[in-house]
Amino acid sequence: MALIHRAQLSRTKHELIAKWLPTRPWSEDAVSGQVELIGAYRFDDPVGAVGIETHVVRTGDMQVLQVPLTYRGAPLAGADDFLVGTTEHSVLGRRWVYDGCGDPVYAAALATVILSGGQEAEEWVEQVDGPSQRREPSVRVVGSGTPSDGAFSVASVSVMDHGTTTTVGAPGLELVVRRVLGGPARADDDVENLTGVWSGSAEPTPLAYARRLPS
């Protein structure tokens, strides 16, 4: 379950994404500021310390991109290259915002959802007076795997961009995140896929895939 605070951000997610995208090799044609937020989906951090949210955006040149972000209350050691920016959250204080592909917590959550046939986290919005209210996600995702016991644990990751995708490696695991969305899902026998739908999408869109590797 993802609890969403009613809060003000000194630098919004939209602002951070719009400034960061033109610095990425897979979206360097994007013009800073010309980004439309289509929707987003969240994953749960089992420990509850890291916010995990993936945005689907449209750029000025009409590309649809996927931007996974993690939100932390302190810097992630060794992850300076993946820092998108910082923001001041009126409830949680300063938040360090990272490209999710460089964050082991995101990798573990993505692998768990894909390989166990999971889906996005439930979203609950905190109310000033009264109990939290459930909110329908603007993007719904599902993994193609089968239910299994437990969640993946990832201590560290290696990250490599390949054209319009990013490969995230960890012991026993390979994840590929589609940055530019479009095209068919992977059909390899040893690969499980994550697909998503949102308002205006004609059919499920491939978002990422996961492969178990020999330990």
N, C-alpha and C. Protein backbone atom coordinates (compact mmCIF):
# COMPACT_ATOMS: atom_id res chain seq x y z
N MET A 1 0.83 -1.19 0.00
CA MET A 1 0.00 0.00 0.00
C MET A 1 0.87 1.25 0.00
N ALA A 2 0.56 2.19 -0.86
CA ALA A 2 1.29 3.46 -0.93
C ALA A 2 0.43 4.56 -0.30
N LEU A 3 0.95 5.16 0.77
CA LEU A 3 0.25 6.27 1.42
C LEU A 3 0.74 7.58 0.82
N ILE A 4 -0.19 8.35 0.29
CA ILE A 4 0.15 9.60 -0.39
C ILE A 4 -0.27 10.77 0.49
N HIS A 5 0.70 11.58 0.88
CA HIS A 5 0.43 12.72 1.74
C HIS A 5 -0.11 13.90 0.93
N ARG A 6 -1.01 14.64 1.54
CA ARG A 6 -1.42 15.92 0.95
C ARG A 6 -0.35 16.94 1.30
N ALA A 7 0.52 17.23 0.36
CA ALA A 7 1.69 18.03 0.69
C ALA A 7 2.05 18.96 -0.46
N GLN A 8 2.85 19.95 -0.14
CA GLN A 8 3.40 20.86 -1.13
C GLN A 8 4.87 20.50 -1.37
N LEU A 9 5.30 20.55 -2.63
CA LEU A 9 6.70 20.30 -2.98
C LEU A 9 7.30 21.58 -3.52
N SER A 10 8.50 21.91 -3.03
CA SER A 10 9.13 23.15 -3.49
C SER A 10 9.60 23.03 -4.93
N ARG A 11 9.99 21.85 -5.33
CA ARG A 11 10.25 21.52 -6.74
C ARG A 11 9.41 20.30 -7.04
N THR A 12 8.45 20.44 -7.95
CA THR A 12 7.52 19.36 -8.20
C THR A 12 8.18 18.22 -8.97
N LYS A 13 7.55 17.07 -8.95
CA LYS A 13 8.03 15.93 -9.73
C LYS A 13 8.08 16.30 -11.22
N HIS A 14 7.06 16.99 -11.67
CA HIS A 14 7.01 17.41 -13.08
C HIS A 14 8.23 18.27 -13.42
N GLU A 15 8.56 19.21 -12.56
CA GLU A 15 9.72 20.08 -12.81
C GLU A 15 11.02 19.30 -12.83
N LEU A 16 11.16 18.37 -11.88
CA LEU A 16 12.39 17.57 -11.82
C LEU A 16 12.54 16.71 -13.07
N ILE A 17 11.45 16.05 -13.48
CA ILE A 17 11.50 15.19 -14.66
C ILE A 17 11.80 15.99 -15.91
N ALA A 18 11.13 17.12 -16.07
CA ALA A 18 11.29 17.93 -17.29
C ALA A 18 12.71 18.45 -17.44
N LYS A 19 13.37 18.75 -16.34
CA LYS A 19 14.75 19.24 -16.40
C LYS A 19 15.73 18.10 -16.62
N TRP A 20 15.43 16.93 -16.09
CA TRP A 20 16.35 15.80 -16.13
C TRP A 20 16.35 15.06 -17.46
N LEU A 21 15.19 14.93 -18.10
CA LEU A 21 15.08 14.12 -19.30
C LEU A 21 16.06 14.50 -20.42
N PRO A 22 16.25 15.80 -20.72
CA PRO A 22 17.18 16.13 -21.82
C PRO A 22 18.63 15.73 -21.56
N THR A 23 18.96 15.36 -20.33
CA THR A 23 20.33 14.93 -20.01
C THR A 23 20.52 13.43 -20.22
N ARG A 24 19.46 12.71 -20.57
CA ARG A 24 19.53 11.26 -20.72
C ARG A 24 19.77 10.89 -22.18
N PRO A 25 20.62 9.90 -22.45
CA PRO A 25 20.91 9.53 -23.84
C PRO A 25 19.70 9.01 -24.59
N TRP A 26 18.72 8.45 -23.87
CA TRP A 26 17.54 7.90 -24.52
C TRP A 26 16.43 8.94 -24.71
N SER A 27 16.64 10.16 -24.24
CA SER A 27 15.62 11.21 -24.45
C SER A 27 16.28 12.57 -24.65
N GLU A 28 17.49 12.59 -25.22
CA GLU A 28 18.23 13.84 -25.34
C GLU A 28 17.57 14.83 -26.30
N ASP A 29 16.62 14.35 -27.13
CA ASP A 29 15.91 15.26 -28.02
C ASP A 29 14.76 15.98 -27.31
N ALA A 30 14.45 15.54 -26.08
CA ALA A 30 13.38 16.20 -25.33
C ALA A 30 13.80 17.63 -25.00
N VAL A 31 12.87 18.55 -25.10
CA VAL A 31 13.11 19.95 -24.77
C VAL A 31 12.73 20.19 -23.33
N SER A 32 13.65 20.75 -22.55
CA SER A 32 13.39 20.98 -21.14
C SER A 32 12.09 21.75 -20.94
N GLY A 33 11.25 21.21 -20.06
CA GLY A 33 9.99 21.86 -19.75
C GLY A 33 8.81 21.36 -20.56
N GLN A 34 9.07 20.75 -21.71
CA GLN A 34 7.97 20.30 -22.57
C GLN A 34 7.66 18.83 -22.29
N VAL A 35 7.07 18.58 -21.15
CA VAL A 35 6.75 17.22 -20.73
C VAL A 35 5.33 17.19 -20.17
N GLU A 36 4.54 16.26 -20.67
CA GLU A 36 3.17 16.05 -20.18
C GLU A 36 3.13 14.77 -19.37
N LEU A 37 2.60 14.84 -18.17
CA LEU A 37 2.46 13.66 -17.33
C LEU A 37 1.20 12.91 -17.73
N ILE A 38 1.35 11.68 -18.22
CA ILE A 38 0.20 10.86 -18.62
C ILE A 38 -0.38 10.13 -17.42
N GLY A 39 0.47 9.58 -16.59
CA GLY A 39 0.02 8.82 -15.43
C GLY A 39 1.20 8.27 -14.67
N ALA A 40 0.91 7.51 -13.61
CA ALA A 40 1.98 6.95 -12.78
C ALA A 40 1.47 5.72 -12.05
N TYR A 41 2.42 4.87 -11.65
CA TYR A 41 2.08 3.72 -10.81
C TYR A 41 3.17 3.58 -9.75
N ARG A 42 2.81 2.95 -8.64
CA ARG A 42 3.71 2.82 -7.50
C ARG A 42 3.93 1.35 -7.14
N PHE A 43 5.09 1.10 -6.55
CA PHE A 43 5.38 -0.19 -5.94
C PHE A 43 5.59 0.03 -4.44
N ASP A 44 5.46 -1.06 -3.68
CA ASP A 44 5.69 -1.00 -2.25
C ASP A 44 7.15 -1.31 -1.93
N ASP A 45 7.73 -0.56 -1.01
CA ASP A 45 8.98 -0.93 -0.36
C ASP A 45 8.60 -1.70 0.90
N PRO A 46 8.96 -2.98 1.00
CA PRO A 46 8.55 -3.77 2.18
C PRO A 46 8.95 -3.13 3.50
N VAL A 47 10.06 -2.39 3.49
CA VAL A 47 10.52 -1.75 4.73
C VAL A 47 9.78 -0.44 4.98
N GLY A 48 9.21 0.14 3.94
CA GLY A 48 8.45 1.37 4.09
C GLY A 48 9.29 2.63 4.13
N ALA A 49 10.57 2.53 3.78
CA ALA A 49 11.47 3.68 3.90
C ALA A 49 11.61 4.46 2.60
N VAL A 50 11.39 3.80 1.46
CA VAL A 50 11.65 4.42 0.16
C VAL A 50 10.36 4.48 -0.65
N GLY A 51 10.06 5.66 -1.19
CA GLY A 51 8.93 5.78 -2.10
C GLY A 51 9.34 5.34 -3.49
N ILE A 52 8.49 4.57 -4.16
CA ILE A 52 8.80 4.04 -5.50
C ILE A 52 7.64 4.41 -6.42
N GLU A 53 7.90 5.27 -7.38
CA GLU A 53 6.84 5.73 -8.29
C GLU A 53 7.39 5.85 -9.70
N THR A 54 6.69 5.27 -10.65
CA THR A 54 7.10 5.33 -12.05
C THR A 54 6.11 6.19 -12.83
N HIS A 55 6.65 7.18 -13.56
CA HIS A 55 5.83 8.10 -14.33
C HIS A 55 5.87 7.73 -15.81
N VAL A 56 4.73 7.83 -16.46
CA VAL A 56 4.64 7.72 -17.91
C VAL A 56 4.38 9.13 -18.44
N VAL A 57 5.27 9.60 -19.31
CA VAL A 57 5.19 10.99 -19.77
C VAL A 57 5.25 11.05 -21.29
N ARG A 58 4.76 12.16 -21.82
CA ARG A 58 4.84 12.43 -23.25
C ARG A 58 5.65 13.71 -23.45
N THR A 59 6.63 13.65 -24.34
CA THR A 59 7.49 14.81 -24.60
C THR A 59 6.91 15.64 -25.73
N GLY A 60 7.55 16.78 -25.97
CA GLY A 60 7.10 17.68 -27.02
C GLY A 60 7.15 17.07 -28.40
N ASP A 61 8.05 16.09 -28.61
CA ASP A 61 8.13 15.42 -29.91
C ASP A 61 7.26 14.17 -29.95
N MET A 62 6.34 14.05 -28.96
CA MET A 62 5.31 13.00 -28.90
C MET A 62 5.86 11.62 -28.55
N GLN A 63 7.09 11.53 -28.08
CA GLN A 63 7.57 10.26 -27.55
C GLN A 63 6.92 9.99 -26.20
N VAL A 64 6.60 8.73 -25.94
CA VAL A 64 6.08 8.33 -24.63
C VAL A 64 7.22 7.63 -23.89
N LEU A 65 7.57 8.16 -22.73
CA LEU A 65 8.72 7.67 -21.97
C LEU A 65 8.27 7.16 -20.60
N GLN A 66 9.09 6.27 -20.05
CA GLN A 66 8.87 5.74 -18.71
C GLN A 66 9.99 6.22 -17.80
N VAL A 67 9.60 6.82 -16.67
CA VAL A 67 10.57 7.43 -15.76
C VAL A 67 10.35 6.88 -14.34
N PRO A 68 11.06 5.82 -13.95
CA PRO A 68 10.95 5.33 -12.57
C PRO A 68 11.77 6.20 -11.62
N LEU A 69 11.15 6.58 -10.52
CA LEU A 69 11.82 7.41 -9.51
C LEU A 69 11.71 6.75 -8.15
N THR A 70 12.71 6.99 -7.30
CA THR A 70 12.61 6.64 -5.89
C THR A 70 12.80 7.90 -5.07
N TYR A 71 12.12 7.93 -3.92
CA TYR A 71 12.17 9.09 -3.03
C TYR A 71 12.73 8.64 -1.69
N ARG A 72 13.79 9.31 -1.26
CA ARG A 72 14.48 8.91 -0.04
C ARG A 72 14.63 10.09 0.91
N GLY A 73 14.68 9.78 2.22
CA GLY A 73 14.86 10.81 3.22
C GLY A 73 16.30 11.16 3.50
N ALA A 74 17.25 10.48 2.82
CA ALA A 74 18.68 10.75 2.96
C ALA A 74 19.35 10.30 1.67
N PRO A 75 20.54 10.82 1.36
CA PRO A 75 21.22 10.42 0.12
C PRO A 75 21.50 8.92 0.10
N LEU A 76 21.43 8.33 -1.10
CA LEU A 76 21.78 6.93 -1.31
C LEU A 76 23.28 6.86 -1.62
N ALA A 77 24.02 6.18 -0.78
CA ALA A 77 25.48 6.10 -0.94
C ALA A 77 25.86 5.52 -2.30
N GLY A 78 26.79 6.19 -2.97
CA GLY A 78 27.30 5.71 -4.24
C GLY A 78 26.39 5.92 -5.43
N ALA A 79 25.32 6.69 -5.27
CA ALA A 79 24.32 6.84 -6.34
C ALA A 79 24.25 8.27 -6.88
N ASP A 80 25.33 9.02 -6.74
CA ASP A 80 25.30 10.42 -7.22
C ASP A 80 24.96 10.51 -8.71
N ASP A 81 25.40 9.54 -9.51
CA ASP A 81 25.13 9.58 -10.95
C ASP A 81 23.65 9.40 -11.27
N PHE A 82 22.88 8.92 -10.30
CA PHE A 82 21.46 8.66 -10.54
C PHE A 82 20.55 9.67 -9.86
N LEU A 83 21.14 10.69 -9.25
CA LEU A 83 20.33 11.69 -8.56
C LEU A 83 19.63 12.59 -9.57
N VAL A 84 18.31 12.62 -9.52
CA VAL A 84 17.52 13.49 -10.39
C VAL A 84 17.44 14.89 -9.80
N GLY A 85 17.36 14.99 -8.48
CA GLY A 85 17.30 16.28 -7.81
C GLY A 85 16.77 16.12 -6.40
N THR A 86 16.62 17.22 -5.70
CA THR A 86 16.03 17.21 -4.37
C THR A 86 14.82 18.12 -4.35
N THR A 87 13.94 17.83 -3.40
CA THR A 87 12.75 18.66 -3.24
C THR A 87 12.44 18.76 -1.76
N GLU A 88 11.74 19.82 -1.40
CA GLU A 88 11.31 20.00 -0.01
C GLU A 88 9.84 19.61 0.08
N HIS A 89 9.57 18.57 0.85
CA HIS A 89 8.22 18.02 1.03
C HIS A 89 7.66 18.62 2.32
N SER A 90 6.46 19.19 2.25
CA SER A 90 5.94 19.91 3.40
C SER A 90 5.62 19.00 4.59
N VAL A 91 5.52 17.70 4.36
CA VAL A 91 5.26 16.76 5.45
C VAL A 91 6.52 15.99 5.82
N LEU A 92 7.26 15.50 4.82
CA LEU A 92 8.39 14.60 5.05
C LEU A 92 9.75 15.30 5.07
N GLY A 93 9.78 16.59 4.73
CA GLY A 93 11.05 17.31 4.71
C GLY A 93 11.79 17.11 3.40
N ARG A 94 13.11 17.26 3.44
CA ARG A 94 13.89 17.14 2.21
C ARG A 94 13.86 15.70 1.71
N ARG A 95 13.65 15.58 0.39
CA ARG A 95 13.62 14.27 -0.25
C ARG A 95 14.63 14.24 -1.39
N TRP A 96 15.42 13.18 -1.42
CA TRP A 96 16.38 12.96 -2.51
C TRP A 96 15.69 12.07 -3.54
N VAL A 97 15.63 12.55 -4.77
CA VAL A 97 14.90 11.86 -5.83
C VAL A 97 15.90 11.22 -6.79
N TYR A 98 15.78 9.90 -6.97
CA TYR A 98 16.74 9.16 -7.79
C TYR A 98 16.06 8.50 -8.99
N ASP A 99 16.84 8.33 -10.06
CA ASP A 99 16.45 7.45 -11.15
C ASP A 99 16.33 6.05 -10.55
N GLY A 100 15.14 5.46 -10.62
CA GLY A 100 14.92 4.17 -9.98
C GLY A 100 15.87 3.09 -10.46
N CYS A 101 16.32 3.16 -11.69
CA CYS A 101 17.19 2.10 -12.21
C CYS A 101 18.50 2.01 -11.44
N GLY A 102 18.90 3.06 -10.75
CA GLY A 102 20.12 3.03 -9.96
C GLY A 102 19.89 2.76 -8.49
N ASP A 103 18.67 2.40 -8.12
CA ASP A 103 18.32 2.19 -6.72
C ASP A 103 17.98 0.72 -6.49
N PRO A 104 18.72 0.02 -5.64
CA PRO A 104 18.43 -1.39 -5.40
C PRO A 104 17.02 -1.68 -4.90
N VAL A 105 16.41 -0.73 -4.19
CA VAL A 105 15.04 -0.95 -3.69
C VAL A 105 14.06 -1.02 -4.85
N TYR A 106 14.24 -0.17 -5.86
CA TYR A 106 13.39 -0.24 -7.05
C TYR A 106 13.61 -1.55 -7.78
N ALA A 107 14.85 -1.96 -7.95
CA ALA A 107 15.15 -3.20 -8.66
C ALA A 107 14.47 -4.39 -7.98
N ALA A 108 14.54 -4.44 -6.66
CA ALA A 108 13.92 -5.54 -5.92
C ALA A 108 12.41 -5.54 -6.09
N ALA A 109 11.81 -4.35 -6.03
CA ALA A 109 10.35 -4.26 -6.17
C ALA A 109 9.91 -4.63 -7.58
N LEU A 110 10.64 -4.15 -8.59
CA LEU A 110 10.29 -4.47 -9.98
C LEU A 110 10.40 -5.96 -10.23
N ALA A 111 11.49 -6.58 -9.79
CA ALA A 111 11.68 -8.01 -9.98
C ALA A 111 10.57 -8.81 -9.30
N THR A 112 10.20 -8.42 -8.09
CA THR A 112 9.16 -9.13 -7.35
C THR A 112 7.84 -9.07 -8.09
N VAL A 113 7.46 -7.90 -8.58
CA VAL A 113 6.18 -7.75 -9.27
C VAL A 113 6.17 -8.56 -10.57
N ILE A 114 7.24 -8.46 -11.35
CA ILE A 114 7.27 -9.16 -12.64
C ILE A 114 7.25 -10.67 -12.45
N LEU A 115 8.15 -11.18 -11.62
CA LEU A 115 8.36 -12.62 -11.52
C LEU A 115 7.29 -13.33 -10.71
N SER A 116 6.56 -12.57 -9.87
CA SER A 116 5.50 -13.19 -9.07
C SER A 116 4.11 -12.90 -9.63
N GLY A 117 4.05 -12.27 -10.80
CA GLY A 117 2.74 -11.96 -11.37
C GLY A 117 1.98 -10.92 -10.57
N GLY A 118 2.71 -9.99 -9.97
CA GLY A 118 2.09 -8.96 -9.14
C GLY A 118 1.56 -7.79 -9.94
N GLN A 119 1.18 -6.75 -9.22
CA GLN A 119 0.64 -5.56 -9.84
C GLN A 119 1.06 -4.33 -9.04
N GLU A 120 0.55 -3.17 -9.47
CA GLU A 120 0.90 -1.92 -8.80
C GLU A 120 0.37 -1.90 -7.36
N ALA A 121 0.97 -1.05 -6.54
CA ALA A 121 0.52 -0.91 -5.15
C ALA A 121 -0.81 -0.15 -5.09
N GLU A 122 -1.61 -0.48 -4.10
CA GLU A 122 -2.80 0.32 -3.83
C GLU A 122 -2.38 1.72 -3.39
N GLU A 123 -3.15 2.72 -3.78
CA GLU A 123 -2.85 4.10 -3.42
C GLU A 123 -3.92 4.63 -2.46
N TRP A 124 -3.45 5.14 -1.33
CA TRP A 124 -4.34 5.72 -0.34
C TRP A 124 -3.89 7.15 -0.07
N VAL A 125 -4.83 8.07 -0.14
CA VAL A 125 -4.53 9.49 0.05
C VAL A 125 -4.89 9.89 1.47
N GLU A 126 -3.91 10.46 2.16
CA GLU A 126 -4.12 10.92 3.53
C GLU A 126 -5.08 12.10 3.56
N GLN A 127 -6.04 12.05 4.48
CA GLN A 127 -7.02 13.12 4.62
C GLN A 127 -6.72 13.96 5.87
N VAL A 128 -7.04 15.24 5.79
CA VAL A 128 -6.82 16.12 6.94
C VAL A 128 -7.70 15.68 8.10
N ASP A 129 -8.96 15.42 7.83
CA ASP A 129 -9.90 14.95 8.85
C ASP A 129 -10.52 13.64 8.38
N GLY A 130 -10.35 12.58 9.15
CA GLY A 130 -10.93 11.31 8.77
C GLY A 130 -9.90 10.34 8.20
N PRO A 131 -10.36 9.13 7.90
CA PRO A 131 -9.44 8.09 7.41
C PRO A 131 -8.96 8.37 5.99
N SER A 132 -7.87 7.73 5.64
CA SER A 132 -7.35 7.86 4.28
C SER A 132 -8.35 7.29 3.28
N GLN A 133 -8.31 7.81 2.06
CA GLN A 133 -9.22 7.36 1.01
C GLN A 133 -8.43 6.71 -0.12
N ARG A 134 -8.97 5.62 -0.63
CA ARG A 134 -8.31 4.92 -1.72
C ARG A 134 -8.45 5.71 -3.02
N ARG A 135 -7.38 5.74 -3.80
CA ARG A 135 -7.38 6.43 -5.09
C ARG A 135 -7.05 5.43 -6.20
N GLU A 136 -7.79 5.51 -7.29
CA GLU A 136 -7.53 4.63 -8.42
C GLU A 136 -6.23 5.04 -9.11
N PRO A 137 -5.31 4.11 -9.33
CA PRO A 137 -4.07 4.44 -10.03
C PRO A 137 -4.36 4.90 -11.46
N SER A 138 -3.56 5.82 -11.95
CA SER A 138 -3.73 6.30 -13.33
C SER A 138 -3.06 5.37 -14.33
N VAL A 139 -2.18 4.48 -13.85
CA VAL A 139 -1.57 3.44 -14.68
C VAL A 139 -1.69 2.13 -13.91
N ARG A 140 -2.16 1.09 -14.60
CA ARG A 140 -2.24 -0.24 -13.98
C ARG A 140 -1.25 -1.17 -14.67
N VAL A 141 -0.52 -1.93 -13.86
CA VAL A 141 0.51 -2.82 -14.41
C VAL A 141 0.31 -4.23 -13.87
N VAL A 142 0.86 -5.21 -14.61
CA VAL A 142 0.80 -6.60 -14.15
C VAL A 142 2.02 -7.34 -14.66
N GLY A 143 2.57 -8.20 -13.82
CA GLY A 143 3.68 -9.05 -14.21
C GLY A 143 3.17 -10.36 -14.76
N SER A 144 3.97 -10.98 -15.64
CA SER A 144 3.53 -12.22 -16.29
C SER A 144 3.97 -13.47 -15.55
N GLY A 145 4.69 -13.31 -14.44
CA GLY A 145 5.17 -14.47 -13.70
C GLY A 145 4.09 -15.15 -12.90
N THR A 146 4.49 -16.10 -12.05
CA THR A 146 3.54 -16.84 -11.23
C THR A 146 3.80 -16.55 -9.76
N PRO A 147 2.74 -16.60 -8.94
CA PRO A 147 2.91 -16.29 -7.52
C PRO A 147 3.98 -17.15 -6.87
N SER A 148 4.78 -16.51 -6.01
CA SER A 148 5.84 -17.23 -5.30
C SER A 148 5.96 -16.65 -3.91
N ASP A 149 6.65 -17.36 -3.07
CA ASP A 149 6.82 -16.91 -1.69
C ASP A 149 7.92 -15.87 -1.59
N GLY A 150 7.68 -14.83 -0.79
CA GLY A 150 8.71 -13.86 -0.49
C GLY A 150 8.97 -12.87 -1.61
N ALA A 151 9.81 -11.90 -1.29
CA ALA A 151 10.17 -10.85 -2.23
C ALA A 151 11.67 -10.92 -2.50
N PHE A 152 12.08 -10.38 -3.62
CA PHE A 152 13.49 -10.33 -3.95
C PHE A 152 14.21 -9.33 -3.06
N SER A 153 15.45 -9.64 -2.74
CA SER A 153 16.32 -8.72 -2.02
C SER A 153 17.50 -8.38 -2.92
N VAL A 154 17.74 -7.09 -3.14
CA VAL A 154 18.82 -6.64 -4.00
C VAL A 154 19.69 -5.68 -3.20
N ALA A 155 20.97 -6.01 -3.05
CA ALA A 155 21.87 -5.17 -2.26
C ALA A 155 22.54 -4.09 -3.11
N SER A 156 22.82 -4.41 -4.38
CA SER A 156 23.49 -3.45 -5.25
C SER A 156 23.13 -3.77 -6.70
N VAL A 157 23.32 -2.79 -7.57
CA VAL A 157 22.96 -2.98 -8.97
C VAL A 157 24.07 -2.44 -9.87
N SER A 158 24.13 -2.98 -11.09
CA SER A 158 24.93 -2.41 -12.16
C SER A 158 23.95 -1.92 -13.23
N VAL A 159 24.24 -0.79 -13.85
CA VAL A 159 23.28 -0.15 -14.75
C VAL A 159 23.97 0.19 -16.06
N MET A 160 23.30 -0.14 -17.17
CA MET A 160 23.84 0.17 -18.48
C MET A 160 22.70 0.55 -19.42
N ASP A 161 22.84 1.71 -20.08
CA ASP A 161 21.87 2.13 -21.08
C ASP A 161 22.21 1.48 -22.42
N HIS A 162 21.16 1.00 -23.10
CA HIS A 162 21.31 0.40 -24.43
C HIS A 162 20.23 1.00 -25.32
N GLY A 163 20.55 2.05 -26.05
CA GLY A 163 19.56 2.66 -26.91
C GLY A 163 18.38 3.19 -26.12
N THR A 164 17.21 2.60 -26.31
CA THR A 164 16.00 3.08 -25.65
C THR A 164 15.64 2.26 -24.42
N THR A 165 16.57 1.41 -23.94
CA THR A 165 16.33 0.62 -22.74
C THR A 165 17.48 0.78 -21.77
N THR A 166 17.24 0.40 -20.53
CA THR A 166 18.28 0.37 -19.50
C THR A 166 18.30 -1.00 -18.87
N THR A 167 19.47 -1.62 -18.83
CA THR A 167 19.62 -2.93 -18.21
C THR A 167 20.12 -2.76 -16.79
N VAL A 168 19.45 -3.39 -15.86
CA VAL A 168 19.81 -3.35 -14.44
C VAL A 168 20.20 -4.77 -14.04
N GLY A 169 21.44 -4.94 -13.61
CA GLY A 169 21.94 -6.24 -13.22
C GLY A 169 22.11 -6.36 -11.72
N ALA A 170 21.83 -7.53 -11.20
CA ALA A 170 22.04 -7.85 -9.79
C ALA A 170 22.32 -9.35 -9.71
N PRO A 171 22.92 -9.84 -8.62
CA PRO A 171 23.20 -11.28 -8.52
C PRO A 171 21.96 -12.12 -8.79
N GLY A 172 22.05 -13.00 -9.78
CA GLY A 172 20.95 -13.89 -10.10
C GLY A 172 19.80 -13.26 -10.85
N LEU A 173 19.99 -12.04 -11.36
CA LEU A 173 18.85 -11.32 -11.92
C LEU A 173 19.29 -10.33 -12.99
N GLU A 174 18.51 -10.25 -14.06
CA GLU A 174 18.68 -9.20 -15.06
C GLU A 174 17.32 -8.56 -15.32
N LEU A 175 17.28 -7.23 -15.24
CA LEU A 175 16.07 -6.47 -15.52
C LEU A 175 16.34 -5.55 -16.69
N VAL A 176 15.38 -5.41 -17.58
CA VAL A 176 15.49 -4.44 -18.67
C VAL A 176 14.27 -3.53 -18.60
N VAL A 177 14.51 -2.24 -18.44
CA VAL A 177 13.46 -1.24 -18.33
C VAL A 177 13.35 -0.49 -19.65
N ARG A 178 12.18 -0.49 -20.24
CA ARG A 178 11.96 0.26 -21.47
C ARG A 178 11.81 1.74 -21.11
N ARG A 179 12.70 2.55 -21.63
CA ARG A 179 12.61 4.00 -21.40
C ARG A 179 11.65 4.65 -22.40
N VAL A 180 11.81 4.28 -23.69
CA VAL A 180 10.91 4.75 -24.74
C VAL A 180 9.92 3.62 -24.98
N LEU A 181 8.63 3.92 -24.81
CA LEU A 181 7.62 2.86 -24.85
C LEU A 181 7.11 2.64 -26.26
N GLY A 182 6.85 1.36 -26.57
CA GLY A 182 6.37 0.96 -27.88
C GLY A 182 7.03 -0.33 -28.29
N GLY A 183 6.39 -1.06 -29.19
CA GLY A 183 6.94 -2.32 -29.65
C GLY A 183 6.39 -3.49 -28.85
N PRO A 184 6.60 -4.71 -29.32
CA PRO A 184 6.05 -5.90 -28.68
C PRO A 184 6.81 -6.29 -27.42
N ALA A 185 6.17 -7.10 -26.60
CA ALA A 185 6.82 -7.65 -25.41
C ALA A 185 7.81 -8.73 -25.82
N ARG A 186 8.81 -8.97 -24.97
CA ARG A 186 9.77 -10.04 -25.24
C ARG A 186 9.06 -11.40 -25.14
N ALA A 187 9.38 -12.30 -26.07
CA ALA A 187 8.74 -13.60 -26.10
C ALA A 187 9.69 -14.73 -25.72
N ASP A 188 10.88 -14.41 -25.18
CA ASP A 188 11.84 -15.44 -24.79
C ASP A 188 11.23 -16.35 -23.72
N ASP A 189 11.59 -17.63 -23.78
CA ASP A 189 11.05 -18.59 -22.82
C ASP A 189 11.48 -18.28 -21.39
N ASP A 190 12.66 -17.68 -21.22
CA ASP A 190 13.18 -17.45 -19.87
C ASP A 190 12.93 -16.03 -19.38
N VAL A 191 12.05 -15.31 -20.05
CA VAL A 191 11.79 -13.91 -19.71
C VAL A 191 10.34 -13.72 -19.28
N GLU A 192 10.13 -12.96 -18.22
CA GLU A 192 8.79 -12.54 -17.81
C GLU A 192 8.67 -11.03 -18.03
N ASN A 193 7.46 -10.58 -18.40
CA ASN A 193 7.24 -9.19 -18.78
C ASN A 193 6.37 -8.43 -17.78
N LEU A 194 6.54 -7.12 -17.76
CA LEU A 194 5.62 -6.20 -17.08
C LEU A 194 4.94 -5.37 -18.16
N THR A 195 3.61 -5.36 -18.14
CA THR A 195 2.86 -4.54 -19.09
C THR A 195 1.95 -3.59 -18.33
N GLY A 196 1.56 -2.50 -18.99
CA GLY A 196 0.73 -1.51 -18.34
C GLY A 196 -0.32 -0.92 -19.26
N VAL A 197 -1.38 -0.42 -18.66
CA VAL A 197 -2.44 0.27 -19.40
C VAL A 197 -2.75 1.57 -18.70
N TRP A 198 -3.19 2.55 -19.47
CA TRP A 198 -3.60 3.85 -18.93
C TRP A 198 -4.64 4.45 -19.85
N SER A 199 -5.23 5.54 -19.45
CA SER A 199 -6.27 6.17 -20.25
C SER A 199 -5.72 6.52 -21.63
N GLY A 200 -6.41 6.04 -22.66
CA GLY A 200 -5.99 6.32 -24.02
C GLY A 200 -5.12 5.26 -24.64
N SER A 201 -4.64 4.29 -23.84
CA SER A 201 -3.81 3.22 -24.42
C SER A 201 -4.73 2.17 -25.01
N ALA A 202 -4.45 1.75 -26.25
CA ALA A 202 -5.33 0.83 -26.95
C ALA A 202 -5.19 -0.60 -26.44
N GLU A 203 -4.01 -0.96 -25.95
CA GLU A 203 -3.73 -2.30 -25.48
C GLU A 203 -2.59 -2.25 -24.48
N PRO A 204 -2.36 -3.34 -23.71
CA PRO A 204 -1.26 -3.32 -22.75
C PRO A 204 0.07 -3.01 -23.42
N THR A 205 0.84 -2.13 -22.78
CA THR A 205 2.13 -1.68 -23.31
C THR A 205 3.26 -2.35 -22.54
N PRO A 206 4.22 -2.98 -23.22
CA PRO A 206 5.37 -3.57 -22.53
C PRO A 206 6.20 -2.48 -21.83
N LEU A 207 6.50 -2.70 -20.56
CA LEU A 207 7.24 -1.71 -19.76
C LEU A 207 8.63 -2.20 -19.35
N ALA A 208 8.75 -3.49 -19.04
CA ALA A 208 10.02 -4.02 -18.56
C ALA A 208 9.97 -5.53 -18.64
N TYR A 209 11.14 -6.17 -18.53
CA TYR A 209 11.14 -7.62 -18.40
C TYR A 209 12.25 -8.05 -17.44
N ALA A 210 12.11 -9.26 -16.96
CA ALA A 210 13.04 -9.80 -15.97
C ALA A 210 13.46 -11.20 -16.37
N ARG A 211 14.71 -11.53 -16.08
CA ARG A 211 15.26 -12.86 -16.35
C ARG A 211 16.05 -13.31 -15.13
N ARG A 212 15.77 -14.51 -14.66
CA ARG A 212 16.58 -15.10 -13.59
C ARG A 212 17.88 -15.61 -14.20
N LEU A 213 18.98 -15.39 -13.51
CA LEU A 213 20.29 -15.84 -13.97
C LEU A 213 20.84 -16.87 -13.00
N PRO A 214 21.73 -17.73 -13.46
CA PRO A 214 22.35 -18.70 -12.54
C PRO A 214 23.08 -17.96 -11.42
N SER A 215 22.93 -18.42 -10.22
CA SER A 215 23.58 -17.76 -9.07
C SER A 215 25.09 -18.00 -9.11
